Amino acid sequence: PTVPPMLAADIGGGSLPAVLNILLALRQRDFTGEGMHLDIAMSD
């Protein structure tokens, strides 16, 4: 069996989507003045 060498879920499903969505939420906050709850699921 092959175990992938890259942690695609941790980094590509967790770290990178988290940063992307945080930056989008900050931009949205510029318009609304309010924060939000971001739901980042690594399996998604």
Full PDB file with SEQRES, HELIX, SHEET, SSBOND, CRYST1, ORIGX, SCALE, CONECT and MASTER records, all heavy atoms in Angstrom:
SEQRES   1 A   44  PRO THR VAL PRO PRO MET LEU ALA ALA ASP ILE GLY GLY          
SEQRES   2 A   44  GLY SER LEU PRO ALA VAL LEU ASN ILE LEU LEU ALA LEU          
SEQRES   3 A   44  ARG GLN ARG ASP PHE THR GLY GLU GLY MET HIS LEU ASP          
SEQRES   4 A   44  ILE ALA MET SER ASP                                          
HELIX    1 AA1 ALA A    8  SER A   15  3                                   8    
HELIX    2 AA2 LEU A   16  THR A   32  1                                  17    
CRYST1    1.000    1.000    1.000  90.00  90.00  90.00 P 1           1          
ORIGX1      1.000000  0.000000  0.000000        0.00000                         
ORIGX2      0.000000  1.000000  0.000000        0.00000                         
ORIGX3      0.000000  0.000000  1.000000        0.00000                         
SCALE1      1.000000  0.000000  0.000000        0.00000                         
SCALE2      0.000000  1.000000  0.000000        0.00000                         
SCALE3      0.000000  0.000000  1.000000        0.00000                         
ATOM      1  N   PRO A   1       0.833  -1.216   0.000  1.00  0.00           N  
ATOM      2  CA  PRO A   1       0.000   0.000   0.000  1.00  0.00           C  
ATOM      3  C   PRO A   1       0.862   1.259   0.000  1.00  0.00           C  
ATOM      4  O   PRO A   1       1.954   1.272   0.567  1.00  0.00           O  
ATOM      5  CB  PRO A   1      -0.802  -0.121   1.302  1.00  0.00           C  
ATOM      6  CG  PRO A   1      -0.692  -1.557   1.710  1.00  0.00           C  
ATOM      7  CD  PRO A   1       0.641  -2.028   1.202  1.00  0.00           C  
ATOM      8  N   THR A   2       0.350   2.302  -0.640  1.00  0.00           N  
ATOM      9  CA  THR A   2       1.095   3.549  -0.753  1.00  0.00           C  
ATOM     10  C   THR A   2       0.562   4.584   0.238  1.00  0.00           C  
ATOM     11  O   THR A   2      -0.626   4.912   0.224  1.00  0.00           O  
ATOM     12  CB  THR A   2       0.976   4.121  -2.179  1.00  0.00           C  
ATOM     13  OG1 THR A   2       1.541   3.180  -3.095  1.00  0.00           O  
ATOM     14  CG2 THR A   2       1.721   5.443  -2.289  1.00  0.00           C  
ATOM     15  N   VAL A   3       1.432   5.073   1.099  1.00  0.00           N  
ATOM     16  CA  VAL A   3       1.078   6.170   2.005  1.00  0.00           C  
ATOM     17  C   VAL A   3       1.570   7.463   1.370  1.00  0.00           C  
ATOM     18  O   VAL A   3       2.772   7.609   1.115  1.00  0.00           O  
ATOM     19  CB  VAL A   3       1.720   5.991   3.397  1.00  0.00           C  
ATOM     20  CG1 VAL A   3       1.384   7.190   4.288  1.00  0.00           C  
ATOM     21  CG2 VAL A   3       1.233   4.697   4.034  1.00  0.00           C  
ATOM     22  N   PRO A   4       0.672   8.408   1.061  1.00  0.00           N  
ATOM     23  CA  PRO A   4       1.100   9.647   0.402  1.00  0.00           C  
ATOM     24  C   PRO A   4       2.157  10.381   1.229  1.00  0.00           C  
ATOM     25  O   PRO A   4       2.038  10.468   2.455  1.00  0.00           O  
ATOM     26  CB  PRO A   4      -0.195  10.464   0.311  1.00  0.00           C  
ATOM     27  CG  PRO A   4      -1.289   9.457   0.410  1.00  0.00           C  
ATOM     28  CD  PRO A   4      -0.777   8.379   1.312  1.00  0.00           C  
ATOM     29  N   PRO A   5       3.189  10.930   0.598  1.00  0.00           N  
ATOM     30  CA  PRO A   5       4.243  11.610   1.350  1.00  0.00           C  
ATOM     31  C   PRO A   5       3.867  13.017   1.796  1.00  0.00           C  
ATOM     32  O   PRO A   5       4.514  13.581   2.676  1.00  0.00           O  
ATOM     33  CB  PRO A   5       5.403  11.661   0.358  1.00  0.00           C  
ATOM     34  CG  PRO A   5       4.732  11.692  -0.975  1.00  0.00           C  
ATOM     35  CD  PRO A   5       3.510  10.829  -0.833  1.00  0.00           C  
ATOM     36  N   MET A   6       2.828  13.591   1.183  1.00  0.00           N  
ATOM     37  CA  MET A   6       2.446  14.939   1.571  1.00  0.00           C  
ATOM     38  C   MET A   6       1.184  14.890   2.446  1.00  0.00           C  
ATOM     39  O   MET A   6       0.316  14.043   2.243  1.00  0.00           O  
ATOM     40  CB  MET A   6       2.193  15.825   0.347  1.00  0.00           C  
ATOM     41  CG  MET A   6       0.958  15.486  -0.474  1.00  0.00           C  
ATOM     42  SD  MET A   6       1.090  13.946  -1.423  1.00  0.00           S  
ATOM     43  CE  MET A   6       2.302  14.410  -2.640  1.00  0.00           C  
ATOM     44  N   LEU A   7       1.116  15.784   3.429  1.00  0.00           N  
ATOM     45  CA  LEU A   7      -0.051  15.838   4.317  1.00  0.00           C  
ATOM     46  C   LEU A   7      -1.091  16.763   3.672  1.00  0.00           C  
ATOM     47  O   LEU A   7      -1.276  17.915   4.076  1.00  0.00           O  
ATOM     48  CB  LEU A   7       0.370  16.327   5.701  1.00  0.00           C  
ATOM     49  CG  LEU A   7       1.357  15.393   6.427  1.00  0.00           C  
ATOM     50  CD1 LEU A   7       1.820  16.001   7.732  1.00  0.00           C  
ATOM     51  CD2 LEU A   7       0.727  14.022   6.672  1.00  0.00           C  
ATOM     52  N   ALA A   8      -1.770  16.213   2.681  1.00  0.00           N  
ATOM     53  CA  ALA A   8      -2.699  17.031   1.888  1.00  0.00           C  
ATOM     54  C   ALA A   8      -3.855  17.551   2.727  1.00  0.00           C  
ATOM     55  O   ALA A   8      -4.303  18.682   2.551  1.00  0.00           O  
ATOM     56  CB  ALA A   8      -3.221  16.210   0.707  1.00  0.00           C  
ATOM     57  N   ALA A   9      -4.367  16.732   3.642  1.00  0.00           N  
ATOM     58  CA  ALA A   9      -5.512  17.171   4.450  1.00  0.00           C  
ATOM     59  C   ALA A   9      -5.091  18.226   5.466  1.00  0.00           C  
ATOM     60  O   ALA A   9      -5.759  19.253   5.629  1.00  0.00           O  
ATOM     61  CB  ALA A   9      -6.160  15.977   5.147  1.00  0.00           C  
ATOM     62  N   ASP A  10      -3.992  17.985   6.157  1.00  0.00           N  
ATOM     63  CA  ASP A  10      -3.541  18.941   7.172  1.00  0.00           C  
ATOM     64  C   ASP A  10      -3.226  20.307   6.567  1.00  0.00           C  
ATOM     65  O   ASP A  10      -3.644  21.346   7.089  1.00  0.00           O  
ATOM     66  CB  ASP A  10      -2.285  18.419   7.868  1.00  0.00           C  
ATOM     67  CG  ASP A  10      -2.592  17.347   8.905  1.00  0.00           C  
ATOM     68  OD1 ASP A  10      -3.785  17.114   9.183  1.00  0.00           O  
ATOM     69  OD2 ASP A  10      -1.648  16.742   9.425  1.00  0.00           O  
ATOM     70  N   ILE A  11      -2.475  20.302   5.465  1.00  0.00           N  
ATOM     71  CA  ILE A  11      -2.019  21.566   4.883  1.00  0.00           C  
ATOM     72  C   ILE A  11      -3.008  22.075   3.837  1.00  0.00           C  
ATOM     73  O   ILE A  11      -3.473  23.213   3.908  1.00  0.00           O  
ATOM     74  CB  ILE A  11      -0.615  21.395   4.280  1.00  0.00           C  
ATOM     75  CG1 ILE A  11       0.383  21.019   5.380  1.00  0.00           C  
ATOM     76  CG2 ILE A  11      -0.176  22.662   3.558  1.00  0.00           C  
ATOM     77  CD1 ILE A  11       1.776  20.676   4.888  1.00  0.00           C  
ATOM     78  N   GLY A  12      -3.333  21.223   2.852  1.00  0.00           N  
ATOM     79  CA  GLY A  12      -4.236  21.647   1.781  1.00  0.00           C  
ATOM     80  C   GLY A  12      -5.692  21.702   2.196  1.00  0.00           C  
ATOM     81  O   GLY A  12      -6.499  22.364   1.548  1.00  0.00           O  
ATOM     82  N   GLY A  13      -6.043  21.001   3.277  1.00  0.00           N  
ATOM     83  CA  GLY A  13      -7.428  21.018   3.747  1.00  0.00           C  
ATOM     84  C   GLY A  13      -7.612  21.812   5.021  1.00  0.00           C  
ATOM     85  O   GLY A  13      -8.739  22.171   5.375  1.00  0.00           O  
ATOM     86  N   GLY A  14      -6.502  22.084   5.739  1.00  0.00           N  
ATOM     87  CA  GLY A  14      -6.584  22.810   6.998  1.00  0.00           C  
ATOM     88  C   GLY A  14      -5.909  24.159   6.946  1.00  0.00           C  
ATOM     89  O   GLY A  14      -6.557  25.211   6.956  1.00  0.00           O  
ATOM     90  N   SER A  15      -4.573  24.170   6.838  1.00  0.00           N  
ATOM     91  CA  SER A  15      -3.813  25.425   6.933  1.00  0.00           C  
ATOM     92  C   SER A  15      -4.187  26.421   5.844  1.00  0.00           C  
ATOM     93  O   SER A  15      -4.506  27.590   6.127  1.00  0.00           O  
ATOM     94  CB  SER A  15      -2.312  25.131   6.846  1.00  0.00           C  
ATOM     95  OG  SER A  15      -1.917  24.169   7.782  1.00  0.00           O  
ATOM     96  N   LEU A  16      -4.125  25.980   4.590  1.00  0.00           N  
ATOM     97  CA  LEU A  16      -4.350  26.920   3.486  1.00  0.00           C  
ATOM     98  C   LEU A  16      -5.792  27.422   3.425  1.00  0.00           C  
ATOM     99  O   LEU A  16      -6.012  28.634   3.277  1.00  0.00           O  
ATOM    100  CB  LEU A  16      -3.919  26.282   2.169  1.00  0.00           C  
ATOM    101  CG  LEU A  16      -2.414  25.979   2.062  1.00  0.00           C  
ATOM    102  CD1 LEU A  16      -2.093  25.266   0.752  1.00  0.00           C  
ATOM    103  CD2 LEU A  16      -1.591  27.263   2.166  1.00  0.00           C  
ATOM    104  N   PRO A  17      -6.813  26.545   3.543  1.00  0.00           N  
ATOM    105  CA  PRO A  17      -8.179  27.072   3.580  1.00  0.00           C  
ATOM    106  C   PRO A  17      -8.426  28.002   4.769  1.00  0.00           C  
ATOM    107  O   PRO A  17      -9.203  28.952   4.667  1.00  0.00           O  
ATOM    108  CB  PRO A  17      -9.048  25.812   3.671  1.00  0.00           C  
ATOM    109  CG  PRO A  17      -8.217  24.747   3.055  1.00  0.00           C  
ATOM    110  CD  PRO A  17      -6.817  25.081   3.469  1.00  0.00           C  
ATOM    111  N   ALA A  18      -7.770  27.717   5.903  1.00  0.00           N  
ATOM    112  CA  ALA A  18      -7.948  28.597   7.063  1.00  0.00           C  
ATOM    113  C   ALA A  18      -7.457  30.000   6.749  1.00  0.00           C  
ATOM    114  O   ALA A  18      -8.157  30.999   6.986  1.00  0.00           O  
ATOM    115  CB  ALA A  18      -7.202  28.032   8.269  1.00  0.00           C  
ATOM    116  N   VAL A  19      -6.255  30.109   6.189  1.00  0.00           N  
ATOM    117  CA  VAL A  19      -5.711  31.428   5.852  1.00  0.00           C  
ATOM    118  C   VAL A  19      -6.580  32.115   4.805  1.00  0.00           C  
ATOM    119  O   VAL A  19      -6.913  33.304   4.934  1.00  0.00           O  
ATOM    120  CB  VAL A  19      -4.259  31.303   5.359  1.00  0.00           C  
ATOM    121  CG1 VAL A  19      -3.750  32.641   4.830  1.00  0.00           C  
ATOM    122  CG2 VAL A  19      -3.353  30.806   6.478  1.00  0.00           C  
ATOM    123  N   LEU A  20      -6.954  31.384   3.771  1.00  0.00           N  
ATOM    124  CA  LEU A  20      -7.786  31.952   2.718  1.00  0.00           C  
ATOM    125  C   LEU A  20      -9.084  32.511   3.286  1.00  0.00           C  
ATOM    126  O   LEU A  20      -9.472  33.661   3.008  1.00  0.00           O  
ATOM    127  CB  LEU A  20      -8.096  30.876   1.668  1.00  0.00           C  
ATOM    128  CG  LEU A  20      -9.168  31.196   0.631  1.00  0.00           C  
ATOM    129  CD1 LEU A  20      -8.730  32.353  -0.246  1.00  0.00           C  
ATOM    130  CD2 LEU A  20      -9.471  29.972  -0.225  1.00  0.00           C  
ATOM    131  N   ASN A  21      -9.764  31.728   4.103  1.00  0.00           N  
ATOM    132  CA  ASN A  21     -11.058  32.153   4.636  1.00  0.00           C  
ATOM    133  C   ASN A  21     -10.916  33.259   5.678  1.00  0.00           C  
ATOM    134  O   ASN A  21     -11.784  34.134   5.777  1.00  0.00           O  
ATOM    135  CB  ASN A  21     -11.807  30.958   5.206  1.00  0.00           C  
ATOM    136  CG  ASN A  21     -12.446  30.115   4.118  1.00  0.00           C  
ATOM    137  OD1 ASN A  21     -13.541  30.414   3.655  1.00  0.00           O  
ATOM    138  ND2 ASN A  21     -11.752  29.075   3.681  1.00  0.00           N  
ATOM    139  N   ILE A  22      -9.835  33.239   6.448  1.00  0.00           N  
ATOM    140  CA  ILE A  22      -9.598  34.329   7.395  1.00  0.00           C  
ATOM    141  C   ILE A  22      -9.432  35.649   6.658  1.00  0.00           C  
ATOM    142  O   ILE A  22     -10.014  36.677   7.040  1.00  0.00           O  
ATOM    143  CB  ILE A  22      -8.361  34.022   8.262  1.00  0.00           C  
ATOM    144  CG1 ILE A  22      -8.699  32.945   9.312  1.00  0.00           C  
ATOM    145  CG2 ILE A  22      -7.849  35.282   8.958  1.00  0.00           C  
ATOM    146  CD1 ILE A  22      -7.479  32.385  10.024  1.00  0.00           C  
ATOM    147  N   LEU A  23      -8.660  35.636   5.579  1.00  0.00           N  
ATOM    148  CA  LEU A  23      -8.456  36.867   4.816  1.00  0.00           C  
ATOM    149  C   LEU A  23      -9.758  37.344   4.173  1.00  0.00           C  
ATOM    150  O   LEU A  23     -10.048  38.549   4.146  1.00  0.00           O  
ATOM    151  CB  LEU A  23      -7.382  36.652   3.757  1.00  0.00           C  
ATOM    152  CG  LEU A  23      -5.982  36.331   4.290  1.00  0.00           C  
ATOM    153  CD1 LEU A  23      -5.008  36.111   3.146  1.00  0.00           C  
ATOM    154  CD2 LEU A  23      -5.475  37.430   5.222  1.00  0.00           C  
ATOM    155  N   LEU A  24     -10.563  36.407   3.665  1.00  0.00           N  
ATOM    156  CA  LEU A  24     -11.862  36.789   3.105  1.00  0.00           C  
ATOM    157  C   LEU A  24     -12.779  37.354   4.186  1.00  0.00           C  
ATOM    158  O   LEU A  24     -13.507  38.330   3.953  1.00  0.00           O  
ATOM    159  CB  LEU A  24     -12.518  35.578   2.441  1.00  0.00           C  
ATOM    160  CG  LEU A  24     -11.840  35.050   1.170  1.00  0.00           C  
ATOM    161  CD1 LEU A  24     -12.507  33.753   0.718  1.00  0.00           C  
ATOM    162  CD2 LEU A  24     -11.892  36.085   0.051  1.00  0.00           C  
ATOM    163  N   ALA A  25     -12.736  36.746   5.373  1.00  0.00           N  
ATOM    164  CA  ALA A  25     -13.588  37.222   6.468  1.00  0.00           C  
ATOM    165  C   ALA A  25     -13.170  38.611   6.935  1.00  0.00           C  
ATOM    166  O   ALA A  25     -14.018  39.439   7.300  1.00  0.00           O  
ATOM    167  CB  ALA A  25     -13.541  36.232   7.631  1.00  0.00           C  
ATOM    168  N   LEU A  26     -11.862  38.872   6.917  1.00  0.00           N  
ATOM    169  CA  LEU A  26     -11.406  40.216   7.283  1.00  0.00           C  
ATOM    170  C   LEU A  26     -11.888  41.249   6.270  1.00  0.00           C  
ATOM    171  O   LEU A  26     -12.279  42.371   6.641  1.00  0.00           O  
ATOM    172  CB  LEU A  26      -9.874  40.247   7.361  1.00  0.00           C  
ATOM    173  CG  LEU A  26      -9.237  39.490   8.528  1.00  0.00           C  
ATOM    174  CD1 LEU A  26      -7.725  39.444   8.364  1.00  0.00           C  
ATOM    175  CD2 LEU A  26      -9.608  40.131   9.865  1.00  0.00           C  
ATOM    176  N   ARG A  27     -11.882  40.869   5.004  1.00  0.00           N  
ATOM    177  CA  ARG A  27     -12.396  41.779   3.974  1.00  0.00           C  
ATOM    178  C   ARG A  27     -13.892  41.993   4.147  1.00  0.00           C  
ATOM    179  O   ARG A  27     -14.391  43.122   4.035  1.00  0.00           O  
ATOM    180  CB  ARG A  27     -12.090  41.199   2.579  1.00  0.00           C  
ATOM    181  CG  ARG A  27     -12.556  42.073   1.433  1.00  0.00           C  
ATOM    182  CD  ARG A  27     -11.936  43.449   1.491  1.00  0.00           C  
ATOM    183  NE  ARG A  27     -12.271  44.233   0.320  1.00  0.00           N  
ATOM    184  CZ  ARG A  27     -12.368  45.552   0.316  1.00  0.00           C  
ATOM    185  NH1 ARG A  27     -12.171  46.243   1.438  1.00  0.00           N  
ATOM    186  NH2 ARG A  27     -12.654  46.210  -0.793  1.00  0.00           N  
ATOM    187  N   GLN A  28     -14.610  40.911   4.469  1.00  0.00           N  
ATOM    188  CA  GLN A  28     -16.055  41.042   4.717  1.00  0.00           C  
ATOM    189  C   GLN A  28     -16.312  41.938   5.924  1.00  0.00           C  
ATOM    190  O   GLN A  28     -17.263  42.717   5.938  1.00  0.00           O  
ATOM    191  CB  GLN A  28     -16.654  39.641   4.954  1.00  0.00           C  
ATOM    192  CG  GLN A  28     -18.161  39.615   5.139  1.00  0.00           C  
ATOM    193  CD  GLN A  28     -18.913  39.846   3.845  1.00  0.00           C  
ATOM    194  OE1 GLN A  28     -18.298  39.968   2.776  1.00  0.00           O  
ATOM    195  NE2 GLN A  28     -20.221  39.912   3.921  1.00  0.00           N  
ATOM    196  N   ARG A  29     -15.444  41.828   6.938  1.00  0.00           N  
ATOM    197  CA  ARG A  29     -15.582  42.674   8.126  1.00  0.00           C  
ATOM    198  C   ARG A  29     -15.422  44.142   7.780  1.00  0.00           C  
ATOM    199  O   ARG A  29     -16.024  45.022   8.430  1.00  0.00           O  
ATOM    200  CB  ARG A  29     -14.548  42.246   9.180  1.00  0.00           C  
ATOM    201  CG  ARG A  29     -14.755  42.890  10.532  1.00  0.00           C  
ATOM    202  CD  ARG A  29     -13.728  42.420  11.539  1.00  0.00           C  
ATOM    203  NE  ARG A  29     -12.400  42.986  11.302  1.00  0.00           N  
ATOM    204  CZ  ARG A  29     -11.361  42.834  12.125  1.00  0.00           C  
ATOM    205  NH1 ARG A  29     -11.502  42.110  13.230  1.00  0.00           N  
ATOM    206  NH2 ARG A  29     -10.198  43.390  11.849  1.00  0.00           N  
ATOM    207  N   ASP A  30     -14.604  44.425   6.766  1.00  0.00           N  
ATOM    208  CA  ASP A  30     -14.458  45.810   6.325  1.00  0.00           C  
ATOM    209  C   ASP A  30     -15.806  46.393   5.898  1.00  0.00           C  
ATOM    210  O   ASP A  30     -16.070  47.584   6.069  1.00  0.00           O  
ATOM    211  CB  ASP A  30     -13.481  45.899   5.150  1.00  0.00           C  
ATOM    212  CG  ASP A  30     -12.046  45.601   5.550  1.00  0.00           C  
ATOM    213  OD1 ASP A  30     -11.733  45.703   6.758  1.00  0.00           O  
ATOM    214  OD2 ASP A  30     -11.244  45.278   4.657  1.00  0.00           O  
ATOM    215  N   PHE A  31     -16.659  45.548   5.314  1.00  0.00           N  
ATOM    216  CA  PHE A  31     -17.970  46.004   4.846  1.00  0.00           C  
ATOM    217  C   PHE A  31     -19.012  46.041   5.955  1.00  0.00           C  
ATOM    218  O   PHE A  31     -19.837  46.954   6.027  1.00  0.00           O  
ATOM    219  CB  PHE A  31     -18.473  45.100   3.724  1.00  0.00           C  
ATOM    220  CG  PHE A  31     -17.605  45.085   2.500  1.00  0.00           C  
ATOM    221  CD1 PHE A  31     -17.135  43.888   1.977  1.00  0.00           C  
ATOM    222  CD2 PHE A  31     -17.237  46.259   1.855  1.00  0.00           C  
ATOM    223  CE1 PHE A  31     -16.329  43.860   0.844  1.00  0.00           C  
ATOM    224  CE2 PHE A  31     -16.434  46.248   0.732  1.00  0.00           C  
ATOM    225  CZ  PHE A  31     -15.979  45.046   0.219  1.00  0.00           C  
ATOM    226  N   THR A  32     -18.986  44.998   6.817  1.00  0.00           N  
ATOM    227  CA  THR A  32     -20.071  44.840   7.798  1.00  0.00           C  
ATOM    228  C   THR A  32     -19.725  45.336   9.193  1.00  0.00           C  
ATOM    229  O   THR A  32     -20.621  45.610   9.995  1.00  0.00           O  
ATOM    230  CB  THR A  32     -20.464  43.364   7.903  1.00  0.00           C  
ATOM    231  OG1 THR A  32     -19.372  42.620   8.481  1.00  0.00           O  
ATOM    232  CG2 THR A  32     -20.810  42.787   6.541  1.00  0.00           C  
ATOM    233  N   GLY A  33     -18.425  45.395   9.500  1.00  0.00           N  
ATOM    234  CA  GLY A  33     -18.008  45.760  10.846  1.00  0.00           C  
ATOM    235  C   GLY A  33     -18.094  44.604  11.823  1.00  0.00           C  
ATOM    236  O   GLY A  33     -17.805  44.776  13.012  1.00  0.00           O  
ATOM    237  N   GLU A  34     -18.475  43.425  11.341  1.00  0.00           N  
ATOM    238  CA  GLU A  34     -18.661  42.278  12.228  1.00  0.00           C  
ATOM    239  C   GLU A  34     -17.788  41.103  11.808  1.00  0.00           C  
ATOM    240  O   GLU A  34     -17.495  40.908  10.625  1.00  0.00           O  
ATOM    241  CB  GLU A  34     -20.133  41.833  12.218  1.00  0.00           C  
ATOM    242  CG  GLU A  34     -21.090  42.883  12.736  1.00  0.00           C  
ATOM    243  CD  GLU A  34     -22.530  42.393  12.723  1.00  0.00           C  
ATOM    244  OE1 GLU A  34     -22.765  41.285  12.189  1.00  0.00           O  
ATOM    245  OE2 GLU A  34     -23.397  43.112  13.243  1.00  0.00           O  
ATOM    246  N   GLY A  35     -17.395  40.312  12.803  1.00  0.00           N  
ATOM    247  CA  GLY A  35     -16.647  39.094  12.539  1.00  0.00           C  
ATOM    248  C   GLY A  35     -17.588  37.956  12.180  1.00  0.00           C  
ATOM    249  O   GLY A  35     -18.771  38.163  11.891  1.00  0.00           O  
ATOM    250  N   MET A  36     -17.066  36.731  12.184  1.00  0.00           N  
ATOM    251  CA  MET A  36     -17.877  35.559  11.860  1.00  0.00           C  
ATOM    252  C   MET A  36     -17.163  34.313  12.332  1.00  0.00           C  
ATOM    253  O   MET A  36     -15.987  34.340  12.694  1.00  0.00           O  
ATOM    254  CB  MET A  36     -18.143  35.468  10.365  1.00  0.00           C  
ATOM    255  CG  MET A  36     -16.901  35.300   9.509  1.00  0.00           C  
ATOM    256  SD  MET A  36     -17.278  35.136   7.745  1.00  0.00           S  
ATOM    257  CE  MET A  36     -18.024  36.717   7.401  1.00  0.00           C  
ATOM    258  N   HIS A  37     -17.901  33.206  12.317  1.00  0.00           N  
ATOM    259  CA  HIS A  37     -17.334  31.901  12.683  1.00  0.00           C  
ATOM    260  C   HIS A  37     -17.065  31.119  11.410  1.00  0.00           C  
ATOM    261  O   HIS A  37     -17.978  30.836  10.633  1.00  0.00           O  
ATOM    262  CB  HIS A  37     -18.321  31.129  13.582  1.00  0.00           C  
ATOM    263  CG  HIS A  37     -17.748  29.859  14.131  1.00  0.00           C  
ATOM    264  ND1 HIS A  37     -18.528  28.909  14.749  1.00  0.00           N  
ATOM    265  CD2 HIS A  37     -16.472  29.386  14.162  1.00  0.00           C  
ATOM    266  CE1 HIS A  37     -17.758  27.900  15.139  1.00  0.00           C  
ATOM    267  NE2 HIS A  37     -16.513  28.165  14.793  1.00  0.00           N  
ATOM    268  N   LEU A  38     -15.814  30.751  11.202  1.00  0.00           N  
ATOM    269  CA  LEU A  38     -15.407  29.985  10.022  1.00  0.00           C  
ATOM    270  C   LEU A  38     -15.291  28.506  10.378  1.00  0.00           C  
ATOM    271  O   LEU A  38     -14.640  28.145  11.355  1.00  0.00           O  
ATOM    272  CB  LEU A  38     -14.060  30.489   9.504  1.00  0.00           C  
ATOM    273  CG  LEU A  38     -14.008  31.957   9.096  1.00  0.00           C  
ATOM    274  CD1 LEU A  38     -12.568  32.366   8.779  1.00  0.00           C  
ATOM    275  CD2 LEU A  38     -14.909  32.224   7.902  1.00  0.00           C  
ATOM    276  N   ASP A  39     -15.918  27.667   9.580  1.00  0.00           N  
ATOM    277  CA  ASP A  39     -15.930  26.217   9.796  1.00  0.00           C  
ATOM    278  C   ASP A  39     -15.055  25.556   8.733  1.00  0.00           C  
ATOM    279  O   ASP A  39     -15.484  25.344   7.605  1.00  0.00           O  
ATOM    280  CB  ASP A  39     -17.383  25.726   9.705  1.00  0.00           C  
ATOM    281  CG  ASP A  39     -17.526  24.222   9.866  1.00  0.00           C  
ATOM    282  OD1 ASP A  39     -16.524  23.555  10.197  1.00  0.00           O  
ATOM    283  OD2 ASP A  39     -18.648  23.711   9.663  1.00  0.00           O  
ATOM    284  N   ILE A  40     -13.807  25.241   9.092  1.00  0.00           N  
ATOM    285  CA  ILE A  40     -12.852  24.632   8.156  1.00  0.00           C  
ATOM    286  C   ILE A  40     -12.768  23.137   8.449  1.00  0.00           C  
ATOM    287  O   ILE A  40     -12.292  22.729   9.510  1.00  0.00           O  
ATOM    288  CB  ILE A  40     -11.450  25.263   8.292  1.00  0.00           C  
ATOM    289  CG1 ILE A  40     -11.517  26.793   8.156  1.00  0.00           C  
ATOM    290  CG2 ILE A  40     -10.485  24.645   7.277  1.00  0.00           C  
ATOM    291  CD1 ILE A  40     -12.059  27.274   6.841  1.00  0.00           C  
ATOM    292  N   ALA A  41     -13.247  22.328   7.511  1.00  0.00           N  
ATOM    293  CA  ALA A  41     -13.211  20.867   7.656  1.00  0.00           C  
ATOM    294  C   ALA A  41     -12.154  20.309   6.710  1.00  0.00           C  
ATOM    295  O   ALA A  41     -12.259  20.455   5.494  1.00  0.00           O  
ATOM    296  CB  ALA A  41     -14.578  20.265   7.341  1.00  0.00           C  
ATOM    297  N   MET A  42     -11.135  19.669   7.268  1.00  0.00           N  
ATOM    298  CA  MET A  42     -10.035  19.173   6.442  1.00  0.00           C  
ATOM    299  C   MET A  42     -10.501  18.137   5.419  1.00  0.00           C  
ATOM    300  O   MET A  42      -9.988  18.086   4.301  1.00  0.00           O  
ATOM    301  CB  MET A  42      -8.938  18.591   7.334  1.00  0.00           C  
ATOM    302  CG  MET A  42      -8.195  19.660   8.122  1.00  0.00           C  
ATOM    303  SD  MET A  42      -6.854  18.997   9.148  1.00  0.00           S  
ATOM    304  CE  MET A  42      -7.747  18.645  10.656  1.00  0.00           C  
ATOM    305  N   SER A  43     -11.486  17.339   5.782  1.00  0.00           N  
ATOM    306  CA  SER A  43     -11.974  16.316   4.847  1.00  0.00           C  
ATOM    307  C   SER A  43     -12.700  16.937   3.664  1.00  0.00           C  
ATOM    308  O   SER A  43     -12.688  16.374   2.556  1.00  0.00           O  
ATOM    309  CB  SER A  43     -12.884  15.315   5.571  1.00  0.00           C  
ATOM    310  OG  SER A  43     -13.926  15.981   6.248  1.00  0.00           O  
ATOM    311  N   ASP A  44     -13.314  18.093   3.843  1.00  0.00           N  
ATOM    312  CA  ASP A  44     -14.034  18.742   2.735  1.00  0.00           C  
ATOM    313  C   ASP A  44     -13.099  19.001   1.552  1.00  0.00           C  
ATOM    314  O   ASP A  44     -13.453  18.776   0.391  1.00  0.00           O  
ATOM    315  CB  ASP A  44     -14.635  20.077   3.186  1.00  0.00           C  
ATOM    316  CG  ASP A  44     -15.873  19.909   4.052  1.00  0.00           C  
ATOM    317  OD1 ASP A  44     -16.287  18.766   4.304  1.00  0.00           O  
ATOM    318  OD2 ASP A  44     -16.417  20.948   4.483  1.00  0.00           O  
TER     319      ASP A  44                                                      
MASTER        0    0    0    2    0    0    0    6  318    1    0    4          
END                                                                             
